[in-house]
Amino acid sequence: MGQGSSRIYNLISLVFLVLTIVVIVLVIMRFLGPPATAPQAAAIVPTAFELPSLTPSNTPTVTLPPTFTLTPTDTPTPTETLPPTATLAPSATITDTPGPTDTPSVTPTPSTSPTPSPTATPTGPTNTPSPTLSPFLYDLRDQQVIFTQNFANTAGCAWQGLGGQVFDINSTAVNGMQIHVFGPTIGDRFVTSGSNSLYGAGGWEQPVDNKINGNTYYVELLSPGGTAISPRIQVTFPTDCTKNLALVNFVQVRPQ
């Protein structure tokens, strides 16, 4: 605390000390004095001591910190505008002046090229590729239909038909094979090999007309279950009385 506060406390302590002494003196005088016979005078009350008003000194003055003033930020400097690019003036058109034409050089005469010696051709037979196996078990024998004159009956030219034989892989005649013949004037017809011996063992015959015609017919060999086991052979008659019988012979071409 400050010096002024210390003085106030000292003064107060002094006042209480004086009052204490006065009270002690009055008490002593009371006991030592004669007994009171007469009404005692009213006790004199000491005048209250008025404390002087103290003016505080050295009152600290509070100094506020200065107010900070914000410095404005720098104003951005505008970007400098570049001057427009200068446009180049077109140059004068240069006219190419043709130079002197080069004199062609002398064409060299080609030298004589040596004639290559012929390659020797190997002697001996040319290898024959193996024939492609047919997907069918039977095929047309000799790959051809033979047209001949009717010899199996006495009808002569008042008859036209197909006939032939069936052979196994060993060229042995086979009986009991089913032949399917179909076309105009007959529809579908079925005949069995071995049913007509006039064509030989395994022979068969199927008439198609009682006169000569140029129609086309088809014939194929069937398995016992009715599945075709030969390609379908196409037979077109030549409208010739000497060729009114078409011989179609089947032969087995591979093992079963």
Protein backbone atom coordinates (compact mmCIF):
# COMPACT_ATOMS: atom_id res chain seq x y z
CA MET A 1 0.00 0.00 0.00
CA GLY A 2 1.05 3.65 -0.38
CA GLN A 3 2.51 6.06 2.20
CA GLY A 4 -0.85 7.87 2.67
CA SER A 5 -2.54 4.68 3.83
CA SER A 6 0.20 4.10 6.44
CA ARG A 7 -0.37 7.58 7.89
CA ILE A 8 -4.11 6.98 8.23
CA TYR A 9 -3.57 3.75 10.14
CA ASN A 10 -1.02 5.44 12.45
CA LEU A 11 -3.41 8.30 13.20
CA ILE A 12 -6.26 5.92 14.01
CA SER A 13 -4.00 3.92 16.33
CA LEU A 14 -2.99 7.13 18.10
CA VAL A 15 -6.61 8.18 18.67
CA PHE A 16 -7.53 4.82 20.18
CA LEU A 17 -4.47 5.00 22.41
CA VAL A 18 -5.47 8.48 23.77
CA LEU A 19 -9.03 7.36 24.41
CA THR A 20 -7.80 4.29 26.25
CA ILE A 21 -5.61 6.41 28.54
CA VAL A 22 -8.49 8.81 29.31
CA VAL A 23 -10.79 5.94 30.23
CA ILE A 24 -8.18 4.41 32.53
CA VAL A 25 -7.60 7.78 34.31
CA LEU A 26 -11.34 8.30 34.87
CA VAL A 27 -11.75 4.81 36.31
CA ILE A 28 -8.87 5.37 38.75
CA MET A 29 -10.25 8.72 39.86
CA ARG A 30 -13.62 7.09 40.44
CA PHE A 31 -12.28 4.58 42.88
CA LEU A 32 -9.94 7.00 44.70
CA GLY A 33 -12.34 9.89 45.20
CA PRO A 34 -14.77 10.37 48.26
CA PRO A 35 -18.17 8.76 48.21
CA ALA A 36 -20.66 10.85 46.45
CA THR A 37 -23.14 12.69 48.68
CA ALA A 38 -24.51 14.98 46.27
CA PRO A 39 -25.67 14.34 42.91
CA GLN A 40 -22.74 14.16 40.72
CA ALA A 41 -22.39 16.34 37.86
CA ALA A 42 -22.88 14.87 34.58
CA ALA A 43 -19.77 13.34 33.23
CA ILE A 44 -18.07 15.42 30.72
CA VAL A 45 -17.92 13.57 27.53
CA PRO A 46 -14.88 14.43 25.62
CA THR A 47 -15.35 16.09 22.38
CA ALA A 48 -15.12 13.60 19.61
CA PHE A 49 -11.97 13.94 17.69
CA GLU A 50 -12.68 14.63 14.08
CA LEU A 51 -10.34 12.89 11.77
CA PRO A 52 -8.97 15.09 9.09
CA SER A 53 -9.91 14.25 5.54
CA LEU A 54 -6.96 12.89 3.75
CA THR A 55 -6.48 13.63 0.15
CA PRO A 56 -4.85 10.68 -1.42
CA SER A 57 -1.66 11.59 -3.05
CA ASN A 58 0.35 10.03 -5.72
CA THR A 59 -2.76 8.52 -7.32
CA PRO A 60 -1.44 6.36 -10.10
CA THR A 61 -2.59 7.42 -13.46
CA VAL A 62 -3.50 4.54 -15.76
CA THR A 63 -2.26 5.18 -19.22
CA LEU A 64 -4.15 3.27 -21.90
CA PRO A 65 -2.08 1.79 -24.69
CA PRO A 66 -2.29 3.66 -27.94
CA THR A 67 -4.86 2.51 -30.45
CA PHE A 68 -3.28 0.77 -33.41
CA THR A 69 -4.28 2.10 -36.77
CA LEU A 70 -4.36 -0.56 -39.52
CA THR A 71 -2.19 0.27 -42.44
CA PRO A 72 -4.09 -0.23 -45.71
CA THR A 73 -2.79 -3.05 -47.87
CA ASP A 74 -0.98 -2.24 -51.03
CA THR A 75 -3.18 -1.53 -53.97
CA PRO A 76 -2.33 -4.02 -56.76
CA THR A 77 -0.62 -2.42 -59.60
CA PRO A 78 -2.56 -2.99 -62.83
CA THR A 79 -0.87 -5.34 -65.29
CA GLU A 80 0.85 -3.57 -68.03
CA THR A 81 -0.92 -4.03 -71.33
CA LEU A 82 1.44 -5.28 -73.99
CA PRO A 83 1.44 -3.40 -77.24
CA PRO A 84 -0.20 -5.20 -80.17
CA THR A 85 2.04 -7.49 -82.19
CA ALA A 86 3.20 -5.87 -85.30
CA THR A 87 1.84 -7.41 -88.50
CA LEU A 88 4.54 -8.24 -90.97
CA ALA A 89 3.99 -6.82 -94.37
CA PRO A 90 3.78 -9.49 -97.09
CA SER A 91 7.00 -9.93 -98.93
CA ALA A 92 7.19 -9.54 -102.60
CA THR A 93 6.32 -12.65 -104.62
CA ILE A 94 9.46 -14.31 -105.84
CA THR A 95 9.19 -15.67 -109.36
CA ASP A 96 11.30 -18.77 -109.90
CA THR A 97 13.35 -18.39 -113.00
CA PRO A 98 13.94 -21.80 -114.54
CA GLY A 99 17.59 -22.65 -114.81
CA PRO A 100 19.24 -24.34 -117.67
CA THR A 101 18.02 -27.88 -118.35
CA ASP A 102 20.59 -30.52 -117.54
CA THR A 103 21.81 -32.44 -120.52
CA PRO A 104 20.81 -36.09 -120.10
CA SER A 105 23.70 -38.35 -119.49
CA VAL A 106 24.52 -41.15 -121.83
CA THR A 107 22.39 -44.21 -121.14
CA PRO A 108 24.73 -47.08 -120.35
CA THR A 109 24.38 -50.11 -122.55
CA PRO A 110 23.29 -53.08 -120.46
CA SER A 111 25.77 -55.81 -120.28
CA THR A 112 24.86 -59.34 -121.25
CA SER A 113 23.31 -61.15 -118.27
CA PRO A 114 24.29 -64.78 -117.87
CA THR A 115 21.47 -67.18 -118.59
CA PRO A 116 20.73 -69.25 -115.47
CA SER A 117 21.14 -72.95 -115.85
CA PRO A 118 17.84 -74.87 -115.77
CA THR A 119 17.07 -76.70 -112.59
CA ALA A 120 17.19 -80.41 -112.95
CA THR A 121 13.75 -82.01 -112.82
CA PRO A 122 13.67 -85.11 -110.62
CA THR A 123 12.90 -88.27 -112.54
CA GLY A 124 10.54 -90.96 -111.44
CA PRO A 125 6.76 -91.27 -111.07
CA THR A 126 4.80 -88.40 -109.52
CA ASN A 127 3.25 -89.20 -106.17
CA THR A 128 -0.50 -89.56 -106.49
CA PRO A 129 -2.38 -88.21 -103.46
CA SER A 130 -4.56 -90.66 -101.65
CA PRO A 131 -8.22 -90.38 -102.59
CA THR A 132 -10.51 -88.79 -100.03
CA LEU A 133 -12.64 -91.39 -98.31
CA SER A 134 -16.34 -91.09 -99.00
CA PRO A 135 -18.57 -90.43 -95.99
CA PHE A 136 -20.85 -93.19 -97.35
CA LEU A 137 -20.30 -96.92 -97.00
CA TYR A 138 -21.28 -97.53 -100.68
CA ASP A 139 -20.74 -95.48 -103.83
CA LEU A 140 -21.42 -95.66 -107.60
CA ARG A 141 -19.13 -98.27 -109.17
CA ASP A 142 -16.63 -96.77 -111.62
CA GLN A 143 -18.27 -93.38 -110.86
CA GLN A 144 -20.58 -93.57 -113.84
CA VAL A 145 -24.07 -94.57 -114.97
CA ILE A 146 -24.07 -96.79 -118.07
CA PHE A 147 -26.88 -96.27 -120.62
CA THR A 148 -27.67 -99.27 -122.81
CA GLN A 149 -30.53 -100.86 -124.75
CA ASN A 150 -33.21 -102.78 -122.90
CA PHE A 151 -32.16 -106.43 -122.78
CA ALA A 152 -34.01 -107.76 -119.73
CA ASN A 153 -37.47 -108.01 -121.38
CA THR A 154 -39.17 -108.08 -124.78
CA ALA A 155 -40.86 -104.62 -124.51
CA GLY A 156 -38.13 -102.98 -126.57
CA CYS A 157 -38.60 -99.21 -126.84
CA ALA A 158 -42.01 -99.41 -125.13
CA TRP A 159 -40.14 -99.58 -121.87
CA GLN A 160 -37.70 -97.41 -119.82
CA GLY A 161 -36.11 -98.20 -116.48
CA LEU A 162 -33.12 -98.61 -114.16
CA GLY A 163 -31.28 -101.75 -113.05
CA GLY A 164 -27.95 -102.94 -111.72
CA GLN A 165 -26.09 -104.88 -109.02
CA VAL A 166 -24.73 -104.40 -105.47
CA PHE A 167 -21.20 -105.53 -104.47
CA ASP A 168 -19.35 -105.60 -101.16
CA ILE A 169 -15.78 -104.37 -100.54
CA ASN A 170 -14.39 -107.61 -102.06
CA SER A 171 -16.51 -107.15 -105.25
CA THR A 172 -18.79 -110.02 -104.17
CA ALA A 173 -22.47 -109.61 -105.09
CA VAL A 174 -24.74 -108.80 -102.14
CA ASN A 175 -28.42 -109.74 -101.92
CA GLY A 176 -31.06 -108.22 -99.67
CA MET A 177 -29.93 -104.55 -99.93
CA GLN A 178 -32.74 -102.02 -100.37
CA ILE A 179 -32.62 -99.60 -103.33
CA HIS A 180 -34.72 -96.41 -103.32
CA VAL A 181 -35.76 -95.03 -106.76
CA PHE A 182 -37.88 -91.89 -107.08
CA GLY A 183 -38.83 -89.25 -109.65
CA PRO A 184 -41.65 -88.21 -112.01
CA THR A 185 -44.14 -90.84 -113.25
CA ILE A 186 -43.24 -93.26 -110.37
CA GLY A 187 -43.06 -91.35 -107.09
CA ASP A 188 -41.08 -93.40 -104.52
CA ARG A 189 -40.28 -97.02 -105.30
CA PHE A 190 -38.21 -99.57 -103.31
CA VAL A 191 -36.57 -102.69 -104.71
CA THR A 192 -34.21 -105.31 -103.18
CA SER A 193 -30.86 -106.43 -104.57
CA GLY A 194 -30.96 -110.05 -105.77
CA SER A 195 -34.62 -109.73 -106.85
CA ASN A 196 -33.76 -109.89 -110.61
CA SER A 197 -31.11 -112.43 -111.66
CA LEU A 198 -31.16 -111.21 -115.30
CA TYR A 199 -28.69 -108.53 -114.15
CA GLY A 200 -26.51 -111.11 -112.39
CA ALA A 201 -26.00 -111.94 -108.74
CA GLY A 202 -27.29 -109.16 -106.51
CA GLY A 203 -29.25 -107.81 -109.49
CA TRP A 204 -32.28 -105.46 -109.33
CA GLU A 205 -34.58 -103.59 -111.74
CA GLN A 206 -37.11 -100.72 -111.49
CA PRO A 207 -39.22 -99.65 -114.55
CA VAL A 208 -40.07 -95.92 -114.75
CA ASP A 209 -42.18 -95.62 -117.93
CA ASN A 210 -43.67 -97.61 -120.85
CA LYS A 211 -42.17 -95.19 -123.37
CA ILE A 212 -39.03 -93.16 -123.91
CA ASN A 213 -38.77 -89.86 -121.97
CA GLY A 214 -36.04 -87.41 -120.95
CA ASN A 215 -36.97 -87.21 -117.28
CA THR A 216 -34.48 -87.16 -114.39
CA TYR A 217 -34.67 -89.82 -111.67
CA TYR A 218 -32.73 -90.45 -108.45
CA VAL A 219 -31.52 -93.68 -106.89
CA GLU A 220 -29.76 -94.44 -103.56
CA LEU A 221 -28.85 -97.46 -101.44
CA LEU A 222 -30.43 -97.76 -97.98
CA SER A 223 -29.43 -99.58 -94.81
CA PRO A 224 -31.84 -102.07 -93.19
CA GLY A 225 -32.94 -99.19 -90.94
CA GLY A 226 -33.78 -96.98 -93.95
CA THR A 227 -30.75 -94.63 -93.75
CA ALA A 228 -28.97 -93.69 -96.99
CA ILE A 229 -25.58 -95.42 -97.13
CA SER A 230 -24.68 -94.18 -100.62
CA PRO A 231 -24.75 -90.78 -102.33
CA ARG A 232 -27.92 -89.92 -104.24
CA ILE A 233 -27.26 -90.79 -107.91
CA GLN A 234 -28.92 -88.57 -110.55
CA VAL A 235 -30.03 -90.31 -113.78
CA THR A 236 -31.24 -88.24 -116.76
CA PHE A 237 -32.35 -90.29 -119.79
CA PRO A 238 -31.20 -89.16 -123.27
CA THR A 239 -34.52 -89.91 -125.05
CA ASP A 240 -32.83 -92.61 -127.14
CA CYS A 241 -34.36 -96.05 -127.67
CA THR A 242 -30.90 -97.59 -127.67
CA LYS A 243 -30.24 -96.06 -124.26
CA ASN A 244 -33.51 -96.66 -122.44
CA LEU A 245 -31.89 -98.78 -119.69
CA ALA A 246 -29.69 -97.08 -117.06
CA LEU A 247 -27.30 -99.46 -115.28
CA VAL A 248 -26.54 -98.26 -111.72
CA ASN A 249 -24.12 -100.54 -109.84
CA PHE A 250 -23.21 -99.95 -106.19
CA VAL A 251 -19.98 -101.12 -104.50
CA GLN A 252 -18.79 -100.93 -100.90
CA VAL A 253 -15.88 -98.45 -100.64
CA ARG A 254 -14.74 -98.87 -97.02
CA PRO A 255 -15.11 -101.32 -94.14
CA GLN A 256 -18.11 -100.97 -91.91
